């Protein structure tokens, strides 16, 4: 038996998508265009997507999970166990890498007298929740000197870019800006506003059209 044949025997078959209606999960495009494209560690990828998937399926959409919750998750443990080695060790390393990359944010502290470590999606909602935790809100007492980990060097928020290039953010446009920030890479948003300003077309519809075109056709190096 050849090496490729032995490899095929180890592959667990997938029956394909079933007929009829099936549950779906909405995930931001940027997870695929940046994270999936750049991540070089399978355990990190599995853990990150598992967390985003779990959070998206929760009714309240709270953007965080406790470490002990992740350690007990049977599907996640199975997913990591098939990589070989101890799934607990794989989880710890994967979380560390995800925090270092910036896809997840981590904060440590106490709630109701119990030590807790939380991991949050690095999204607008996740960053807001972490800021609340580090301020001692939500019944959480952050560790002394605790600041949340995982945030890469900051870029201007989409609201700051809008106000710098278009004008005051009106309530009618705020939700659309939040959705765009969760959908497109921060670098794309910054480039799109810059291009609109250079062409003296200072309106959100033009910026959004640039982002939509890059999403459908690809973004070239010149960002034009």
N, C-alpha and C. Protein backbone atom coordinates (compact mmCIF):
# COMPACT_ATOMS: atom_id res chain seq x y z
N UNK A 1 0.85 -1.20 0.00
CA UNK A 1 0.00 0.00 0.00
C UNK A 1 0.88 1.24 0.00
N UNK A 2 0.60 2.16 -0.90
CA UNK A 2 1.41 3.36 -1.01
C UNK A 2 1.11 4.31 0.13
N UNK A 3 2.01 5.33 0.27
CA UNK A 3 1.80 6.32 1.32
C UNK A 3 0.50 7.09 1.13
N UNK A 4 0.18 7.42 -0.11
CA UNK A 4 -1.06 8.16 -0.37
C UNK A 4 -2.28 7.32 -0.04
N UNK A 5 -2.22 6.01 -0.29
CA UNK A 5 -3.34 5.13 0.02
C UNK A 5 -3.54 5.02 1.53
N UNK A 6 -2.42 4.93 2.28
CA UNK A 6 -2.54 4.88 3.74
C UNK A 6 -3.14 6.18 4.26
N UNK A 7 -2.74 7.31 3.68
CA UNK A 7 -3.28 8.61 4.09
C UNK A 7 -4.78 8.67 3.84
N UNK A 8 -5.22 8.16 2.69
CA UNK A 8 -6.64 8.18 2.37
C UNK A 8 -7.45 7.34 3.36
N UNK A 9 -6.87 6.22 3.84
CA UNK A 9 -7.57 5.37 4.78
C UNK A 9 -7.76 6.06 6.12
N UNK A 10 -6.87 7.01 6.46
CA UNK A 10 -6.99 7.72 7.73
C UNK A 10 -7.99 8.87 7.66
N UNK A 11 -8.39 9.28 6.47
CA UNK A 11 -9.29 10.41 6.31
C UNK A 11 -10.71 10.00 6.67
N UNK A 12 -11.34 10.74 7.56
CA UNK A 12 -12.72 10.46 7.94
C UNK A 12 -13.64 10.98 6.84
N UNK A 13 -14.48 10.14 6.26
CA UNK A 13 -15.33 10.58 5.15
C UNK A 13 -16.33 11.65 5.59
N UNK A 14 -16.64 12.55 4.67
CA UNK A 14 -17.66 13.58 4.88
C UNK A 14 -18.78 13.30 3.89
N UNK A 15 -20.01 13.17 4.39
CA UNK A 15 -21.14 12.77 3.55
C UNK A 15 -21.68 13.89 2.68
N UNK A 16 -21.16 15.10 2.86
CA UNK A 16 -21.67 16.22 2.07
C UNK A 16 -22.83 16.91 2.77
N UNK A 17 -23.25 18.03 2.23
CA UNK A 17 -24.36 18.77 2.81
C UNK A 17 -25.67 18.04 2.53
N UNK A 18 -26.50 17.89 3.55
CA UNK A 18 -27.77 17.15 3.36
C UNK A 18 -28.79 17.96 2.57
N UNK A 19 -29.79 17.27 2.06
CA UNK A 19 -30.89 17.94 1.38
C UNK A 19 -31.74 18.71 2.38
N UNK A 20 -32.49 19.66 1.88
CA UNK A 20 -33.41 20.41 2.73
C UNK A 20 -32.74 21.54 3.47
N UNK A 21 -33.46 22.12 4.39
CA UNK A 21 -32.97 23.26 5.15
C UNK A 21 -31.99 22.79 6.22
N UNK A 22 -30.88 23.48 6.33
CA UNK A 22 -29.89 23.16 7.36
C UNK A 22 -29.49 24.45 8.07
N UNK A 23 -29.02 24.31 9.29
CA UNK A 23 -28.58 25.47 10.06
C UNK A 23 -27.33 26.07 9.42
N UNK A 24 -27.26 27.38 9.42
CA UNK A 24 -26.10 28.08 8.88
C UNK A 24 -25.57 29.07 9.91
N UNK A 25 -24.33 29.47 9.75
CA UNK A 25 -23.69 30.43 10.65
C UNK A 25 -23.07 31.55 9.83
N UNK A 26 -23.42 32.78 10.16
CA UNK A 26 -22.86 33.94 9.46
C UNK A 26 -21.52 34.31 10.10
N UNK A 27 -20.46 34.31 9.32
CA UNK A 27 -19.14 34.71 9.80
C UNK A 27 -18.61 35.84 8.92
N UNK A 28 -17.90 36.80 9.51
CA UNK A 28 -17.39 37.93 8.73
C UNK A 28 -16.44 37.47 7.62
N UNK A 29 -16.51 38.11 6.48
CA UNK A 29 -15.66 37.76 5.34
C UNK A 29 -14.18 37.86 5.68
N UNK A 30 -13.83 38.79 6.57
CA UNK A 30 -12.42 39.02 6.89
C UNK A 30 -11.78 37.78 7.53
N UNK A 31 -12.57 36.92 8.17
CA UNK A 31 -12.02 35.69 8.73
C UNK A 31 -11.45 34.80 7.63
N UNK A 32 -12.04 34.86 6.46
CA UNK A 32 -11.59 34.04 5.35
C UNK A 32 -10.52 34.75 4.51
N UNK A 33 -10.71 36.05 4.27
CA UNK A 33 -9.79 36.77 3.40
C UNK A 33 -8.45 37.05 4.06
N UNK A 34 -8.41 37.16 5.42
CA UNK A 34 -7.16 37.44 6.11
C UNK A 34 -6.72 36.28 7.00
N UNK A 35 -7.57 35.91 7.95
CA UNK A 35 -7.15 34.90 8.94
C UNK A 35 -6.90 33.54 8.30
N UNK A 36 -7.86 33.04 7.54
CA UNK A 36 -7.70 31.74 6.91
C UNK A 36 -6.52 31.73 5.95
N UNK A 37 -6.33 32.85 5.27
CA UNK A 37 -5.25 32.93 4.29
C UNK A 37 -3.87 32.97 4.94
N UNK A 38 -3.78 33.58 6.14
CA UNK A 38 -2.47 33.82 6.75
C UNK A 38 -2.10 32.81 7.84
N UNK A 39 -3.09 32.17 8.45
CA UNK A 39 -2.79 31.29 9.59
C UNK A 39 -2.06 30.04 9.12
N UNK A 40 -0.95 29.73 9.80
CA UNK A 40 -0.12 28.58 9.41
C UNK A 40 -0.12 27.49 10.47
N UNK A 41 -1.07 27.54 11.41
CA UNK A 41 -1.13 26.55 12.48
C UNK A 41 -2.55 25.99 12.54
N UNK A 42 -2.71 24.68 12.32
CA UNK A 42 -4.03 24.10 12.22
C UNK A 42 -4.78 24.17 13.55
N UNK A 43 -4.10 23.94 14.67
CA UNK A 43 -4.78 23.99 15.96
C UNK A 43 -5.30 25.40 16.23
N UNK A 44 -4.49 26.41 15.95
CA UNK A 44 -4.93 27.79 16.12
C UNK A 44 -6.16 28.08 15.27
N UNK A 45 -6.14 27.61 14.04
CA UNK A 45 -7.25 27.84 13.13
C UNK A 45 -8.52 27.16 13.64
N UNK A 46 -8.38 25.90 14.08
CA UNK A 46 -9.53 25.17 14.61
C UNK A 46 -10.13 25.89 15.82
N UNK A 47 -9.29 26.30 16.75
CA UNK A 47 -9.78 26.94 17.97
C UNK A 47 -10.43 28.27 17.66
N UNK A 48 -9.81 29.07 16.82
CA UNK A 48 -10.35 30.39 16.50
C UNK A 48 -11.71 30.27 15.83
N UNK A 49 -11.81 29.42 14.82
CA UNK A 49 -13.09 29.28 14.12
C UNK A 49 -14.14 28.64 15.02
N UNK A 50 -13.73 27.74 15.90
CA UNK A 50 -14.69 27.14 16.83
C UNK A 50 -15.27 28.20 17.76
N UNK A 51 -14.44 29.10 18.24
CA UNK A 51 -14.93 30.16 19.14
C UNK A 51 -15.87 31.10 18.39
N UNK A 52 -15.48 31.55 17.20
CA UNK A 52 -16.36 32.43 16.43
C UNK A 52 -17.68 31.73 16.11
N UNK A 53 -17.61 30.45 15.75
CA UNK A 53 -18.82 29.68 15.45
C UNK A 53 -19.72 29.56 16.67
N UNK A 54 -19.14 29.24 17.82
CA UNK A 54 -19.93 29.10 19.05
C UNK A 54 -20.59 30.42 19.42
N UNK A 55 -19.84 31.50 19.36
CA UNK A 55 -20.38 32.81 19.74
C UNK A 55 -21.51 33.23 18.81
N UNK A 56 -21.37 32.95 17.52
CA UNK A 56 -22.39 33.35 16.55
C UNK A 56 -23.70 32.61 16.76
N UNK A 57 -23.66 31.43 17.39
CA UNK A 57 -24.86 30.61 17.59
C UNK A 57 -25.56 30.90 18.91
N UNK A 58 -24.98 31.72 19.73
CA UNK A 58 -25.58 31.99 21.02
C UNK A 58 -26.67 33.06 20.89
N UNK A 59 -27.80 32.87 21.59
CA UNK A 59 -28.92 33.81 21.43
C UNK A 59 -28.56 35.25 21.74
N UNK A 60 -27.77 35.47 22.80
CA UNK A 60 -27.46 36.85 23.20
C UNK A 60 -26.25 37.40 22.48
N UNK A 61 -25.57 36.56 21.73
CA UNK A 61 -24.40 36.97 20.97
C UNK A 61 -23.34 37.64 21.85
N UNK A 62 -23.16 37.14 23.10
CA UNK A 62 -22.10 37.68 23.95
C UNK A 62 -20.76 37.27 23.36
N UNK A 63 -19.85 38.22 23.12
CA UNK A 63 -18.66 37.92 22.32
C UNK A 63 -17.48 37.34 23.10
N UNK A 64 -17.73 36.50 24.10
CA UNK A 64 -16.62 35.96 24.87
C UNK A 64 -16.92 34.58 25.43
N UNK A 65 -15.83 33.83 25.73
CA UNK A 65 -15.94 32.50 26.33
C UNK A 65 -14.89 32.36 27.41
N UNK A 66 -15.23 31.64 28.50
CA UNK A 66 -14.28 31.37 29.57
C UNK A 66 -13.35 30.24 29.18
N UNK A 67 -12.14 30.28 29.74
CA UNK A 67 -11.17 29.23 29.45
C UNK A 67 -11.68 27.87 29.90
N UNK A 68 -12.29 27.80 31.08
CA UNK A 68 -12.76 26.49 31.54
C UNK A 68 -13.88 25.95 30.65
N UNK A 69 -14.66 26.83 30.05
CA UNK A 69 -15.70 26.41 29.11
C UNK A 69 -15.07 25.78 27.86
N UNK A 70 -13.99 26.38 27.39
CA UNK A 70 -13.30 25.83 26.22
C UNK A 70 -12.66 24.49 26.55
N UNK A 71 -12.10 24.37 27.74
CA UNK A 71 -11.46 23.11 28.14
C UNK A 71 -12.46 21.96 28.21
N UNK A 72 -13.73 22.26 28.53
CA UNK A 72 -14.74 21.21 28.68
C UNK A 72 -15.48 20.91 27.38
N UNK A 73 -15.27 21.70 26.35
CA UNK A 73 -16.05 21.56 25.12
C UNK A 73 -15.70 20.25 24.42
N UNK A 74 -16.63 19.29 24.33
CA UNK A 74 -16.29 17.98 23.77
C UNK A 74 -15.95 18.03 22.28
N UNK A 75 -16.65 18.86 21.52
CA UNK A 75 -16.37 18.94 20.09
C UNK A 75 -14.99 19.54 19.84
N UNK A 76 -14.64 20.57 20.61
CA UNK A 76 -13.33 21.18 20.45
C UNK A 76 -12.22 20.22 20.85
N UNK A 77 -12.43 19.48 21.94
CA UNK A 77 -11.41 18.51 22.37
C UNK A 77 -11.22 17.42 21.31
N UNK A 78 -12.32 16.95 20.72
CA UNK A 78 -12.19 15.95 19.66
C UNK A 78 -11.45 16.54 18.46
N UNK A 79 -11.79 17.76 18.10
CA UNK A 79 -11.16 18.40 16.95
C UNK A 79 -9.65 18.51 17.13
N UNK A 80 -9.22 18.80 18.36
CA UNK A 80 -7.79 18.94 18.63
C UNK A 80 -7.11 17.58 18.83
N UNK A 81 -7.85 16.60 19.33
CA UNK A 81 -7.24 15.29 19.62
C UNK A 81 -6.79 14.59 18.34
N UNK A 82 -7.49 14.81 17.22
CA UNK A 82 -7.12 14.11 15.99
C UNK A 82 -5.83 14.67 15.39
N UNK A 83 -5.32 15.77 15.95
CA UNK A 83 -4.03 16.30 15.50
C UNK A 83 -2.87 15.54 16.12
N UNK A 84 -3.16 14.71 17.14
CA UNK A 84 -2.11 14.00 17.85
C UNK A 84 -1.68 14.81 19.06
N UNK A 85 -1.21 14.15 20.09
CA UNK A 85 -0.78 14.84 21.29
C UNK A 85 -1.94 15.13 22.23
N UNK A 86 -1.65 15.87 23.28
CA UNK A 86 -2.62 16.19 24.32
C UNK A 86 -3.50 17.35 23.84
N UNK A 87 -4.83 17.17 23.75
CA UNK A 87 -5.68 18.27 23.29
C UNK A 87 -5.66 19.48 24.22
N UNK A 88 -5.43 19.25 25.53
CA UNK A 88 -5.35 20.38 26.46
C UNK A 88 -4.14 21.25 26.15
N UNK A 89 -3.00 20.61 25.89
CA UNK A 89 -1.80 21.37 25.52
C UNK A 89 -2.01 22.09 24.19
N UNK A 90 -2.65 21.40 23.24
CA UNK A 90 -2.90 22.02 21.94
C UNK A 90 -3.80 23.24 22.08
N UNK A 91 -4.79 23.15 22.97
CA UNK A 91 -5.69 24.28 23.21
C UNK A 91 -4.93 25.47 23.76
N UNK A 92 -4.09 25.24 24.77
CA UNK A 92 -3.34 26.34 25.38
C UNK A 92 -2.44 27.02 24.35
N UNK A 93 -1.74 26.23 23.54
CA UNK A 93 -0.85 26.81 22.53
C UNK A 93 -1.65 27.56 21.47
N UNK A 94 -2.77 26.99 21.07
CA UNK A 94 -3.58 27.63 20.04
C UNK A 94 -4.14 28.96 20.52
N UNK A 95 -4.59 29.01 21.76
CA UNK A 95 -5.11 30.26 22.32
C UNK A 95 -4.01 31.32 22.40
N UNK A 96 -2.82 30.88 22.82
CA UNK A 96 -1.70 31.81 22.91
C UNK A 96 -1.38 32.40 21.54
N UNK A 97 -1.38 31.58 20.51
CA UNK A 97 -1.09 32.05 19.16
C UNK A 97 -2.20 32.98 18.66
N UNK A 98 -3.45 32.65 18.94
CA UNK A 98 -4.56 33.47 18.49
C UNK A 98 -4.54 34.85 19.15
N UNK A 99 -4.16 34.88 20.43
CA UNK A 99 -4.03 36.16 21.13
C UNK A 99 -2.86 36.96 20.54
N UNK A 100 -1.74 36.29 20.30
CA UNK A 100 -0.59 36.97 19.72
C UNK A 100 -0.91 37.51 18.33
N UNK A 101 -1.72 36.78 17.57
CA UNK A 101 -2.10 37.23 16.23
C UNK A 101 -3.08 38.40 16.28
N UNK A 102 -3.92 38.41 17.33
CA UNK A 102 -4.92 39.48 17.44
C UNK A 102 -6.31 39.06 17.05
N UNK A 103 -6.52 37.80 16.68
CA UNK A 103 -7.87 37.35 16.35
C UNK A 103 -8.73 37.18 17.60
N UNK A 104 -8.08 36.89 18.74
CA UNK A 104 -8.77 36.79 20.02
C UNK A 104 -8.15 37.76 21.01
N UNK A 105 -8.96 38.19 21.97
CA UNK A 105 -8.49 39.05 23.07
C UNK A 105 -8.65 38.29 24.37
N UNK A 106 -7.72 38.49 25.30
CA UNK A 106 -7.74 37.75 26.57
C UNK A 106 -7.70 38.73 27.74
N UNK A 107 -8.47 38.42 28.78
CA UNK A 107 -8.43 39.21 30.01
C UNK A 107 -8.62 38.27 31.19
N UNK A 108 -7.88 38.52 32.27
CA UNK A 108 -7.92 37.67 33.47
C UNK A 108 -8.43 38.47 34.67
N UNK A 109 -9.10 37.76 35.58
CA UNK A 109 -9.58 38.42 36.78
C UNK A 109 -10.43 37.49 37.63
N UNK A 110 -11.35 38.06 38.41
CA UNK A 110 -12.19 37.27 39.32
C UNK A 110 -13.64 37.72 39.17
N UNK A 111 -14.53 36.75 39.33
CA UNK A 111 -15.96 37.02 39.38
C UNK A 111 -16.56 36.14 40.47
N UNK A 112 -17.29 36.77 41.38
CA UNK A 112 -17.89 36.03 42.51
C UNK A 112 -16.83 35.22 43.25
N UNK A 113 -15.62 35.78 43.38
CA UNK A 113 -14.56 35.12 44.13
C UNK A 113 -13.82 34.04 43.38
N UNK A 114 -14.18 33.78 42.12
CA UNK A 114 -13.54 32.72 41.34
C UNK A 114 -12.62 33.33 40.27
N UNK A 115 -11.42 32.73 40.14
CA UNK A 115 -10.50 33.16 39.08
C UNK A 115 -11.09 32.80 37.72
N UNK A 116 -11.02 33.72 36.79
CA UNK A 116 -11.53 33.48 35.44
C UNK A 116 -10.58 34.06 34.40
N UNK A 117 -10.46 33.36 33.29
CA UNK A 117 -9.77 33.87 32.12
C UNK A 117 -10.76 33.84 30.97
N UNK A 118 -10.93 34.98 30.32
CA UNK A 118 -11.90 35.12 29.24
C UNK A 118 -11.19 35.36 27.91
N UNK A 119 -11.77 34.81 26.86
CA UNK A 119 -11.31 35.07 25.50
C UNK A 119 -12.47 35.66 24.71
N UNK A 120 -12.17 36.75 24.01
CA UNK A 120 -13.20 37.47 23.26
C UNK A 120 -12.81 37.54 21.78
N UNK A 121 -13.83 37.53 20.93
CA UNK A 121 -13.59 37.80 19.52
C UNK A 121 -13.08 39.23 19.38
N UNK A 122 -12.08 39.42 18.55
CA UNK A 122 -11.57 40.77 18.31
C UNK A 122 -12.47 41.45 17.27
N UNK A 123 -13.64 41.84 17.75
CA UNK A 123 -14.66 42.51 16.95
C UNK A 123 -15.07 43.77 17.71
N UNK A 124 -15.83 44.66 17.09
CA UNK A 124 -16.29 45.83 17.85
C UNK A 124 -17.00 45.46 19.14
N UNK A 125 -17.87 44.46 19.10
CA UNK A 125 -18.58 44.03 20.31
C UNK A 125 -17.62 43.40 21.31
N UNK A 126 -16.66 42.61 20.81
CA UNK A 126 -15.70 41.99 21.70
C UNK A 126 -14.82 43.00 22.39
N UNK A 127 -14.34 43.98 21.64
CA UNK A 127 -13.48 45.02 22.23
C UNK A 127 -14.25 45.83 23.27
N UNK A 128 -15.52 46.12 22.98
CA UNK A 128 -16.34 46.86 23.94
C UNK A 128 -16.53 46.05 25.23
N UNK A 129 -16.79 44.75 25.09
CA UNK A 129 -16.98 43.90 26.26
C UNK A 129 -15.72 43.82 27.10
N UNK A 130 -14.56 43.72 26.44
CA UNK A 130 -13.30 43.64 27.17
C UNK A 130 -13.03 44.94 27.92
N UNK A 131 -13.31 46.06 27.29
CA UNK A 131 -13.13 47.35 27.96
C UNK A 131 -14.01 47.43 29.21
N UNK A 132 -15.22 46.90 29.12
CA UNK A 132 -16.09 46.86 30.31
C UNK A 132 -15.48 46.00 31.40
N UNK A 133 -14.95 44.84 31.04
CA UNK A 133 -14.33 43.95 32.01
C UNK A 133 -13.15 44.61 32.70
N UNK A 134 -12.29 45.26 31.91
CA UNK A 134 -11.09 45.85 32.50
C UNK A 134 -11.42 47.09 33.33
N UNK A 135 -12.62 47.64 33.16
CA UNK A 135 -13.06 48.75 34.01
C UNK A 135 -13.77 48.24 35.27
N UNK A 136 -13.88 46.91 35.40
CA UNK A 136 -14.51 46.35 36.58
C UNK A 136 -16.02 46.27 36.49
N UNK A 137 -16.57 46.33 35.29
CA UNK A 137 -18.01 46.22 35.11
C UNK A 137 -18.40 44.76 34.90
N UNK A 138 -19.70 44.50 34.76
CA UNK A 138 -20.22 43.15 34.55
C UNK A 138 -19.89 42.20 35.71
N UNK A 139 -19.68 42.77 36.92
CA UNK A 139 -19.37 41.93 38.06
C UNK A 139 -17.98 41.31 38.01
N UNK A 140 -17.13 41.83 37.15
CA UNK A 140 -15.80 41.26 36.94
C UNK A 140 -14.75 42.14 37.60
N UNK A 141 -13.81 41.50 38.32
CA UNK A 141 -12.71 42.23 38.96
C UNK A 141 -11.42 41.87 38.23
N UNK A 142 -10.92 42.76 37.38
CA UNK A 142 -9.69 42.42 36.65
C UNK A 142 -8.51 42.29 37.59
N UNK A 143 -7.57 41.44 37.22
CA UNK A 143 -6.34 41.30 38.00
C UNK A 143 -5.64 42.64 38.10
N UNK A 144 -4.85 42.84 39.16
CA UNK A 144 -4.16 44.10 39.38
C UNK A 144 -3.29 44.42 38.17
N UNK A 145 -3.48 45.60 37.62
CA UNK A 145 -2.69 46.01 36.46
C UNK A 145 -3.09 45.33 35.17
N UNK A 146 -4.21 44.61 35.18
CA UNK A 146 -4.62 43.84 34.00
C UNK A 146 -5.06 44.75 32.87
N UNK A 147 -4.53 44.52 31.71
CA UNK A 147 -5.02 45.11 30.48
C UNK A 147 -5.27 43.96 29.52
N UNK A 148 -6.18 44.16 28.60
CA UNK A 148 -6.50 43.02 27.73
C UNK A 148 -5.40 42.82 26.71
N UNK A 149 -5.15 41.52 26.42
CA UNK A 149 -4.08 41.13 25.51
C UNK A 149 -4.65 40.71 24.17
N UNK A 150 -3.89 40.98 23.13
CA UNK A 150 -4.27 40.50 21.82
C UNK A 150 -4.54 41.60 20.83
N UNK A 151 -4.57 42.85 21.28
CA UNK A 151 -4.86 43.93 20.36
C UNK A 151 -3.60 44.36 19.62
N UNK A 152 -3.58 44.24 18.30
CA UNK A 152 -2.44 44.71 17.54
C UNK A 152 -2.41 46.23 17.53
N UNK A 153 -1.34 46.85 17.00
CA UNK A 153 -1.31 48.31 16.92
C UNK A 153 -2.59 48.83 16.30
N UNK A 154 -3.21 49.79 16.96
CA UNK A 154 -4.55 50.20 16.56
C UNK A 154 -4.54 51.03 15.28
N UNK A 155 -5.61 50.86 14.51
CA UNK A 155 -5.90 51.69 13.36
C UNK A 155 -7.06 52.60 13.75
N UNK A 156 -7.27 53.67 13.01
CA UNK A 156 -8.45 54.49 13.29
C UNK A 156 -9.72 53.68 13.12
N UNK A 157 -10.69 53.86 14.01
CA UNK A 157 -11.95 53.16 13.86
C UNK A 157 -12.68 53.70 12.64
N UNK A 158 -13.66 52.94 12.18
CA UNK A 158 -14.41 53.38 11.01
C UNK A 158 -15.17 54.67 11.32
N UNK A 159 -15.56 54.86 12.57
CA UNK A 159 -16.26 56.09 12.94
C UNK A 159 -15.32 57.29 12.87
N UNK A 160 -14.08 57.08 13.33
CA UNK A 160 -13.10 58.17 13.25
C UNK A 160 -12.80 58.51 11.79
N UNK A 161 -12.65 57.49 10.96
CA UNK A 161 -12.38 57.73 9.54
C UNK A 161 -13.55 58.45 8.87
N UNK A 162 -14.76 58.07 9.23
CA UNK A 162 -15.94 58.71 8.66
C UNK A 162 -15.97 60.20 9.03
N UNK A 163 -15.73 60.48 10.31
CA UNK A 163 -15.79 61.88 10.75
C UNK A 163 -14.65 62.70 10.17
N UNK A 164 -13.49 62.08 9.96
CA UNK A 164 -12.37 62.80 9.37
C UNK A 164 -12.58 63.12 7.89
N UNK A 165 -13.30 62.24 7.20
CA UNK A 165 -13.39 62.35 5.74
C UNK A 165 -14.77 62.71 5.21
N UNK A 166 -15.81 62.48 6.01
CA UNK A 166 -17.16 62.74 5.53
C UNK A 166 -17.87 63.79 6.38
N UNK A 167 -17.95 63.53 7.68
CA UNK A 167 -18.65 64.45 8.57
C UNK A 167 -19.15 63.71 9.79
N UNK A 168 -20.04 64.35 10.53
CA UNK A 168 -20.57 63.72 11.74
C UNK A 168 -21.36 62.47 11.40
N UNK A 169 -21.20 61.46 12.24
CA UNK A 169 -21.91 60.20 12.03
C UNK A 169 -23.36 60.36 12.47
N UNK A 170 -24.29 60.16 11.55
CA UNK A 170 -25.71 60.23 11.86
C UNK A 170 -26.21 58.85 12.29
N UNK A 171 -27.21 58.81 13.17
CA UNK A 171 -27.71 57.50 13.63
C UNK A 171 -28.11 56.57 12.49
N UNK A 172 -28.62 57.12 11.42
CA UNK A 172 -29.10 56.29 10.32
C UNK A 172 -27.98 55.51 9.64
N UNK A 173 -26.74 56.01 9.77
CA UNK A 173 -25.60 55.36 9.09
C UNK A 173 -24.76 54.54 10.06
N UNK A 174 -24.97 54.70 11.36
CA UNK A 174 -24.08 54.08 12.35
C UNK A 174 -24.08 52.56 12.24
N UNK A 175 -25.26 51.92 12.11
CA UNK A 175 -25.31 50.47 12.03
C UNK A 175 -24.62 49.95 10.78
N UNK A 176 -24.75 50.68 9.69
CA UNK A 176 -24.08 50.27 8.46
C UNK A 176 -22.56 50.33 8.62
N UNK A 177 -22.06 51.32 9.36
CA UNK A 177 -20.62 51.41 9.61
C UNK A 177 -20.15 50.24 10.47
N UNK A 178 -20.94 49.89 11.48
CA UNK A 178 -20.57 48.75 12.34
C UNK A 178 -20.50 47.47 11.51
N UNK A 179 -21.49 47.26 10.65
CA UNK A 179 -21.50 46.06 9.81
C UNK A 179 -20.31 46.02 8.87
N UNK A 180 -19.95 47.18 8.32
CA UNK A 180 -18.80 47.24 7.42
C UNK A 180 -17.51 46.93 8.18
N UNK A 181 -17.39 47.43 9.42
CA UNK A 181 -16.18 47.19 10.21
C UNK A 181 -16.04 45.72 10.56
N UNK A 182 -17.16 45.01 10.70
CA UNK A 182 -17.12 43.59 11.01
C UNK A 182 -16.92 42.73 9.77
N UNK A 183 -17.13 43.31 8.59
CA UNK A 183 -17.08 42.56 7.34
C UNK A 183 -15.75 42.70 6.61
N UNK A 184 -15.19 43.91 6.58
CA UNK A 184 -14.01 44.18 5.76
C UNK A 184 -12.76 44.37 6.62
N UNK A 185 -11.58 44.02 6.10
CA UNK A 185 -10.34 44.27 6.83
C UNK A 185 -10.16 45.76 7.14
N UNK A 186 -9.58 46.05 8.29
CA UNK A 186 -9.38 47.45 8.68
C UNK A 186 -8.54 48.20 7.66
N UNK A 187 -7.53 47.51 7.08
CA UNK A 187 -6.68 48.17 6.10
C UNK A 187 -7.47 48.56 4.85
N UNK A 188 -8.43 47.72 4.45
CA UNK A 188 -9.27 48.04 3.30
C UNK A 188 -10.10 49.29 3.57
N UNK A 189 -10.70 49.35 4.75
CA UNK A 189 -11.54 50.50 5.09
C UNK A 189 -10.73 51.78 5.06
N UNK A 190 -9.54 51.72 5.66
CA UNK A 190 -8.68 52.90 5.68
C UNK A 190 -8.29 53.32 4.26
N UNK A 191 -7.93 52.35 3.42
CA UNK A 191 -7.55 52.66 2.03
C UNK A 191 -8.72 53.22 1.25
N UNK A 192 -9.92 52.67 1.47
CA UNK A 192 -11.09 53.14 0.73
C UNK A 192 -11.41 54.59 1.07
N UNK A 193 -11.34 54.94 2.35
CA UNK A 193 -11.56 56.34 2.73
C UNK A 193 -10.48 57.24 2.14
N UNK A 194 -9.24 56.76 2.13
CA UNK A 194 -8.15 57.57 1.56
C UNK A 194 -8.37 57.83 0.08
N UNK A 195 -8.76 56.79 -0.65
CA UNK A 195 -8.99 56.94 -2.08
C UNK A 195 -10.14 57.90 -2.35
N UNK A 196 -11.22 57.76 -1.57
CA UNK A 196 -12.36 58.67 -1.74
C UNK A 196 -11.95 60.12 -1.48
N UNK A 197 -11.12 60.33 -0.45
CA UNK A 197 -10.66 61.69 -0.16
C UNK A 197 -9.77 62.22 -1.27
N UNK A 198 -8.86 61.39 -1.79
CA UNK A 198 -7.98 61.83 -2.87
C UNK A 198 -8.76 62.21 -4.12
N UNK A 199 -9.89 61.55 -4.35
CA UNK A 199 -10.73 61.84 -5.51
C UNK A 199 -11.79 62.88 -5.20
N UNK A 200 -11.74 63.40 -3.97
CA UNK A 200 -12.67 64.43 -3.52
C UNK A 200 -14.13 63.98 -3.62
N UNK A 201 -14.35 62.72 -3.33
CA UNK A 201 -15.72 62.18 -3.29
C UNK A 201 -15.97 61.76 -1.84
N UNK A 202 -16.38 62.70 -1.04
CA UNK A 202 -16.44 62.47 0.40
C UNK A 202 -17.85 62.05 0.82
N UNK A 203 -18.21 60.82 0.45
CA UNK A 203 -19.48 60.28 0.93
C UNK A 203 -19.35 58.78 1.15
N UNK A 204 -20.15 58.26 2.08
CA UNK A 204 -20.04 56.87 2.47
C UNK A 204 -20.42 55.93 1.34
N UNK A 205 -21.39 56.31 0.51
CA UNK A 205 -21.82 55.42 -0.58
C UNK A 205 -20.66 55.10 -1.51
N UNK A 206 -19.81 56.08 -1.75
CA UNK A 206 -18.66 55.86 -2.64
C UNK A 206 -17.64 54.94 -1.97
N UNK A 207 -17.38 55.17 -0.67
CA UNK A 207 -16.45 54.32 0.07
C UNK A 207 -16.97 52.88 0.10
N UNK A 208 -18.25 52.70 0.35
CA UNK A 208 -18.83 51.36 0.40
C UNK A 208 -18.75 50.68 -0.97
N UNK A 209 -18.91 51.43 -2.03
CA UNK A 209 -18.81 50.86 -3.38
C UNK A 209 -17.39 50.33 -3.64
N UNK A 210 -16.39 51.05 -3.16
CA UNK A 210 -15.01 50.59 -3.30
C UNK A 210 -14.81 49.26 -2.56
N UNK A 211 -15.30 49.20 -1.32
CA UNK A 211 -15.16 47.98 -0.52
C UNK A 211 -15.88 46.81 -1.16
N UNK A 212 -17.09 47.05 -1.66
CA UNK A 212 -17.85 45.98 -2.30
C UNK A 212 -17.12 45.47 -3.55
N UNK A 213 -16.50 46.39 -4.31
CA UNK A 213 -15.79 45.98 -5.52
C UNK A 213 -14.57 45.14 -5.16
N UNK A 214 -13.82 45.55 -4.13
CA UNK A 214 -12.66 44.77 -3.71
C UNK A 214 -13.09 43.38 -3.23
N UNK A 215 -14.23 43.30 -2.53
CA UNK A 215 -14.70 42.01 -2.03
C UNK A 215 -15.06 41.07 -3.17
N UNK A 216 -15.61 41.61 -4.26
CA UNK A 216 -16.05 40.76 -5.37
C UNK A 216 -14.96 40.52 -6.41
N UNK A 217 -14.06 41.51 -6.61
CA UNK A 217 -13.07 41.41 -7.68
C UNK A 217 -11.64 41.24 -7.18
N UNK A 218 -11.43 41.47 -5.89
CA UNK A 218 -10.07 41.42 -5.35
C UNK A 218 -9.48 42.82 -5.27
N UNK A 219 -8.59 43.00 -4.34
CA UNK A 219 -7.95 44.30 -4.11
C UNK A 219 -6.53 44.24 -4.64
N UNK A 220 -6.22 45.10 -5.61
CA UNK A 220 -4.86 45.09 -6.16
C UNK A 220 -3.91 45.87 -5.26
N UNK A 221 -2.62 45.80 -5.58
CA UNK A 221 -1.60 46.43 -4.74
C UNK A 221 -1.71 47.95 -4.72
N UNK A 222 -2.22 48.51 -5.82
CA UNK A 222 -2.31 49.96 -5.89
C UNK A 222 -3.53 50.49 -5.15
N UNK A 223 -4.46 49.57 -4.77
CA UNK A 223 -5.68 49.96 -4.03
C UNK A 223 -6.43 51.04 -4.78
N UNK A 224 -6.66 50.81 -6.09
CA UNK A 224 -7.42 51.81 -6.85
C UNK A 224 -8.65 51.18 -7.46
